[in-house]
Amino acid sequence: KGVEVIHTEDELRKVTSGVVIIRSHGVPKRIHDIMEEQGLGCVDATCPFVKKIHRIVEEESKKGKHILIIGDENHPEVMGIKGWSDTDVTVIKTEEDARNFEVAPETPICIVSQTTFNYNKFKYLVEIISKKSYNINVLNTICNATKERQTEAESIANEVDAMIVIGDKNSSNTQKLFEICKNACANTYYIQTLGDLDSNQLTSVKTVGITAGASTP
C-alpha cells in the first residue's frame, strides 16, 4: 500500500513526502539532489561496488579527467555512473568503439568499467586505448563476484558437452556469462524458464554444465 514506481525526474519532483528506495544499479547524482530539495527520505540500496564507481568518477572528474566507461550505455548502472561526472564522459562497449575513441592528446583520462562487464573483454579494450598514448588511469571496477562467476563458468564450459545459462534475457551479467560460455562451448543455451529448454538438444551429450546470472532465483 502506498508504493509507487518512479521512472523519471519529473515524476520524482511531484513527490512531496515519503521515502524513496534506490535500486542496486544506482542513480545519477542529480536524483539525490532532487530528493534533498523535496525533503524526501532515502533508502539507498545501491550496490557497494557501484557506489565505489560513483565516488571514483566524482573525484577523478573534479581533477579535470575525461571519464571513459567500458560498458553498455543504455544500462541503468552506466546511466547512473555517468551522472556523477563533472566532465565529459564517453562509454565504449566494442572493439570498434575503442579504436574510434579520440580526445585531445593532452586530456587525462580515467577508465572505469560497468561492474558486470566481461573481464577479458575489459582488458582487451583497455589495451587498445593504451596504445593511443593518452595519459590514462585504469581502475578495474568489475565486481569480484562477477569476475569469479565468469571465470568459473568458462572453466566449466571448457569441460562439458553442453552448457546451460539460466537468467533473465535482459540481465547484463547473464548475457556476459552466455557470451563467455558460448565461446568455450558451442552447445550453449540461454534459458529464462524451463519452457525455454529444448531437451532434444541434449539427447546426444554426456555432460551438461549449468550456471546462472547473479539475480536468478
Protein backbone atom coordinates (compact mmCIF):
# COMPACT_ATOMS: atom_id res chain seq x y z
CA LYS A 1 0.00 0.00 0.00
CA GLY A 2 1.29 3.46 -0.88
CA VAL A 3 4.09 2.14 -3.13
CA GLU A 4 4.81 3.95 -6.39
CA VAL A 5 7.45 3.17 -9.01
CA ILE A 6 9.16 6.32 -10.27
CA HIS A 7 10.77 6.34 -13.70
CA THR A 8 11.57 9.99 -14.44
CA GLU A 9 12.89 13.12 -12.76
CA ASP A 10 9.58 14.91 -13.41
CA GLU A 11 7.71 12.15 -11.57
CA LEU A 12 10.14 12.44 -8.65
CA ARG A 13 9.64 16.21 -8.44
CA LYS A 14 5.92 15.62 -7.94
CA VAL A 15 6.57 13.55 -4.81
CA THR A 16 6.30 15.79 -1.76
CA SER A 17 6.58 13.29 1.09
CA GLY A 18 7.65 9.75 1.83
CA VAL A 19 10.74 7.61 1.42
CA VAL A 20 12.47 6.80 -1.86
CA ILE A 21 14.23 3.45 -2.31
CA ILE A 22 17.09 3.46 -4.81
CA ARG A 23 17.66 0.13 -6.51
CA SER A 24 21.04 -1.62 -6.69
CA HIS A 25 22.00 -0.15 -10.09
CA GLY A 26 22.21 3.30 -8.54
CA VAL A 27 21.16 6.68 -9.94
CA PRO A 28 22.82 9.91 -11.12
CA LYS A 29 23.82 12.48 -8.50
CA ARG A 30 21.06 14.86 -9.65
CA ILE A 31 18.45 12.35 -8.40
CA HIS A 32 19.91 12.59 -4.90
CA ASP A 33 19.87 16.38 -5.23
CA ILE A 34 16.18 16.38 -6.18
CA MET A 35 15.30 14.15 -3.21
CA GLU A 36 17.11 16.53 -0.89
CA GLU A 37 15.31 19.52 -2.41
CA GLN A 38 11.97 17.76 -1.95
CA GLY A 39 12.79 16.82 1.64
CA LEU A 40 12.33 13.12 0.92
CA GLY A 41 13.72 10.25 2.95
CA CYS A 42 16.00 7.81 1.17
CA VAL A 43 16.90 4.14 1.49
CA ASP A 44 19.93 3.82 -0.77
CA ALA A 45 20.20 0.19 -1.88
CA THR A 46 22.89 0.96 -4.46
CA CYS A 47 25.36 -1.93 -4.70
CA PRO A 48 28.58 -1.04 -2.77
CA PHE A 49 30.66 -1.84 -5.88
CA VAL A 50 28.58 0.65 -7.88
CA LYS A 51 28.81 3.29 -5.13
CA LYS A 52 32.58 2.94 -5.29
CA ILE A 53 32.49 3.81 -9.00
CA HIS A 54 30.31 6.85 -8.26
CA ARG A 55 32.93 8.11 -5.80
CA ILE A 56 35.78 7.45 -8.24
CA VAL A 57 34.05 9.22 -11.13
CA GLU A 58 33.11 12.18 -8.96
CA GLU A 59 36.64 12.58 -7.59
CA GLU A 60 38.50 11.98 -10.85
CA SER A 61 36.25 14.29 -12.86
CA LYS A 62 36.90 17.08 -10.31
CA LYS A 63 40.57 16.70 -11.28
CA GLY A 64 39.59 17.52 -14.86
CA LYS A 65 39.83 14.00 -16.23
CA HIS A 66 37.73 12.72 -19.12
CA ILE A 67 35.73 9.74 -17.83
CA LEU A 68 35.75 6.64 -20.03
CA ILE A 69 33.27 3.96 -19.00
CA ILE A 70 33.56 0.49 -20.50
CA GLY A 71 30.05 -0.93 -20.57
CA ASP A 72 26.59 -0.69 -22.08
CA GLU A 73 25.49 2.94 -22.47
CA ASN A 74 21.81 2.02 -22.15
CA HIS A 75 22.22 0.00 -18.95
CA PRO A 76 20.80 1.73 -15.82
CA GLU A 77 24.05 1.23 -13.92
CA VAL A 78 26.07 3.04 -16.59
CA MET A 79 23.46 5.79 -16.88
CA GLY A 80 23.81 6.33 -13.14
CA ILE A 81 27.61 6.35 -13.24
CA LYS A 82 27.63 9.00 -15.99
CA GLY A 83 25.59 11.25 -13.74
CA TRP A 84 28.41 11.58 -11.18
CA SER A 85 30.89 13.20 -13.56
CA ASP A 86 31.56 16.94 -13.79
CA THR A 87 33.48 16.46 -17.06
CA ASP A 88 32.83 14.81 -20.43
CA VAL A 89 32.00 11.11 -20.41
CA THR A 90 32.45 8.52 -23.15
CA VAL A 91 31.01 5.00 -22.99
CA ILE A 92 32.55 2.25 -25.10
CA LYS A 93 31.39 -1.33 -25.48
CA THR A 94 33.03 -2.78 -28.58
CA GLU A 95 36.43 -3.04 -30.23
CA GLU A 96 35.22 -0.57 -32.86
CA ASP A 97 34.24 1.92 -30.12
CA ALA A 98 37.72 1.62 -28.60
CA ARG A 99 39.53 2.10 -31.89
CA ASN A 100 37.39 5.13 -32.77
CA PHE A 101 37.84 6.79 -29.36
CA GLU A 102 39.64 10.13 -29.55
CA VAL A 103 40.18 13.11 -27.25
CA ALA A 104 42.69 15.94 -27.28
CA PRO A 105 46.21 14.48 -26.73
CA GLU A 106 46.77 16.44 -23.50
CA THR A 107 43.46 15.29 -21.92
CA PRO A 108 43.93 13.00 -18.89
CA ILE A 109 41.57 10.00 -18.88
CA CYS A 110 40.11 7.86 -16.10
CA ILE A 111 38.86 4.45 -17.23
CA VAL A 112 36.28 2.52 -15.19
CA SER A 113 34.03 -0.42 -16.00
CA GLN A 114 30.43 -1.44 -15.55
CA THR A 115 30.52 -3.93 -12.65
CA THR A 116 29.11 -6.81 -14.72
CA PHE A 117 31.25 -6.36 -17.85
CA ASN A 118 33.21 -9.25 -19.38
CA TYR A 119 36.58 -9.09 -17.60
CA ASN A 120 38.65 -10.40 -20.52
CA LYS A 121 36.92 -8.01 -22.91
CA PHE A 122 37.59 -5.15 -20.49
CA LYS A 123 41.31 -5.93 -20.54
CA TYR A 124 41.31 -6.16 -24.33
CA LEU A 125 39.57 -2.79 -24.78
CA VAL A 126 41.94 -1.16 -22.28
CA GLU A 127 44.89 -2.49 -24.30
CA ILE A 128 43.53 -0.81 -27.42
CA ILE A 129 43.10 2.51 -25.61
CA SER A 130 46.57 2.22 -24.04
CA LYS A 131 48.21 2.07 -27.47
CA LYS A 132 46.89 5.56 -28.24
CA SER A 133 49.48 7.06 -25.86
CA TYR A 134 47.00 9.01 -23.76
CA ASN A 135 47.59 9.79 -20.10
CA ILE A 136 45.25 7.17 -18.64
CA ASN A 137 44.38 5.92 -15.19
CA VAL A 138 42.74 2.49 -15.35
CA LEU A 139 40.57 1.27 -12.47
CA ASN A 140 39.17 -2.23 -12.77
CA THR A 141 35.75 -1.77 -11.18
CA ILE A 142 34.28 -5.12 -12.25
CA CYS A 143 32.61 -6.76 -9.25
CA ASN A 144 34.76 -9.54 -7.73
CA ALA A 145 31.78 -11.88 -7.62
CA THR A 146 31.11 -11.21 -11.30
CA LYS A 147 34.70 -11.92 -12.26
CA GLU A 148 34.76 -15.16 -10.23
CA ARG A 149 31.45 -16.31 -11.72
CA GLN A 150 32.70 -15.61 -15.24
CA THR A 151 35.96 -17.47 -14.61
CA GLU A 152 34.17 -20.48 -13.13
CA ALA A 153 31.57 -20.55 -15.92
CA GLU A 154 34.29 -20.51 -18.57
CA SER A 155 36.15 -23.32 -16.78
CA ILE A 156 33.00 -25.47 -16.68
CA ALA A 157 32.11 -24.71 -20.31
CA ASN A 158 35.55 -25.91 -21.42
CA GLU A 159 34.92 -29.33 -19.84
CA VAL A 160 31.34 -30.18 -20.85
CA ASP A 161 29.47 -31.19 -24.00
CA ALA A 162 26.70 -28.61 -23.48
CA MET A 163 26.22 -25.58 -21.28
CA ILE A 164 23.01 -24.04 -19.92
CA VAL A 165 22.95 -20.40 -18.77
CA ILE A 166 19.89 -19.55 -16.68
CA GLY A 167 18.72 -15.97 -16.23
CA ASP A 168 16.67 -13.01 -17.34
CA LYS A 169 17.17 -12.24 -21.05
CA ASN A 170 17.56 -8.55 -20.10
CA SER A 171 20.20 -9.20 -17.43
CA SER A 172 23.58 -7.73 -18.33
CA ASN A 173 25.65 -10.10 -16.20
CA THR A 174 23.76 -13.15 -17.54
CA GLN A 175 24.29 -12.00 -21.12
CA LYS A 176 28.03 -11.78 -20.43
CA LEU A 177 28.00 -15.30 -18.97
CA PHE A 178 26.32 -16.59 -22.11
CA GLU A 179 28.87 -14.84 -24.31
CA ILE A 180 31.77 -16.33 -22.36
CA CYS A 181 30.29 -19.85 -22.26
CA LYS A 182 29.37 -19.76 -25.95
CA ASN A 183 32.98 -19.00 -26.85
CA ALA A 184 34.14 -22.01 -24.82
CA CYS A 185 31.30 -24.42 -25.69
CA ALA A 186 29.39 -24.19 -28.99
CA ASN A 187 26.40 -26.02 -27.48
CA THR A 188 25.47 -23.26 -25.03
CA TYR A 189 21.81 -22.45 -24.37
CA TYR A 190 20.39 -19.33 -22.71
CA ILE A 191 17.12 -20.01 -20.89
CA GLN A 192 14.88 -17.94 -18.65
CA THR A 193 12.32 -20.65 -17.82
CA LEU A 194 12.23 -24.41 -18.14
CA GLY A 195 9.93 -23.94 -21.10
CA ASP A 196 12.81 -22.31 -22.99
CA LEU A 197 14.84 -25.52 -22.87
CA ASP A 198 14.51 -27.97 -25.74
CA SER A 199 15.56 -31.26 -24.16
CA ASN A 200 16.03 -32.78 -27.63
CA GLN A 201 19.14 -30.63 -27.97
CA LEU A 202 20.73 -32.55 -25.10
CA THR A 203 19.97 -36.12 -26.18
CA SER A 204 23.43 -36.77 -27.62
CA VAL A 205 25.52 -35.18 -24.88
CA LYS A 206 27.06 -36.86 -21.83
CA THR A 207 27.95 -33.91 -19.62
CA VAL A 208 25.98 -30.71 -19.11
CA GLY A 209 27.23 -27.64 -17.25
CA ILE A 210 24.91 -25.13 -15.61
CA THR A 211 25.47 -21.54 -14.49
CA ALA A 212 23.11 -18.68 -13.63
CA GLY A 213 23.01 -14.90 -13.51
CA ALA A 214 23.61 -13.13 -10.20
CA SER A 215 19.91 -12.36 -9.60
CA THR A 216 18.50 -15.67 -10.80
CA PRO A 217 16.30 -17.35 -8.13
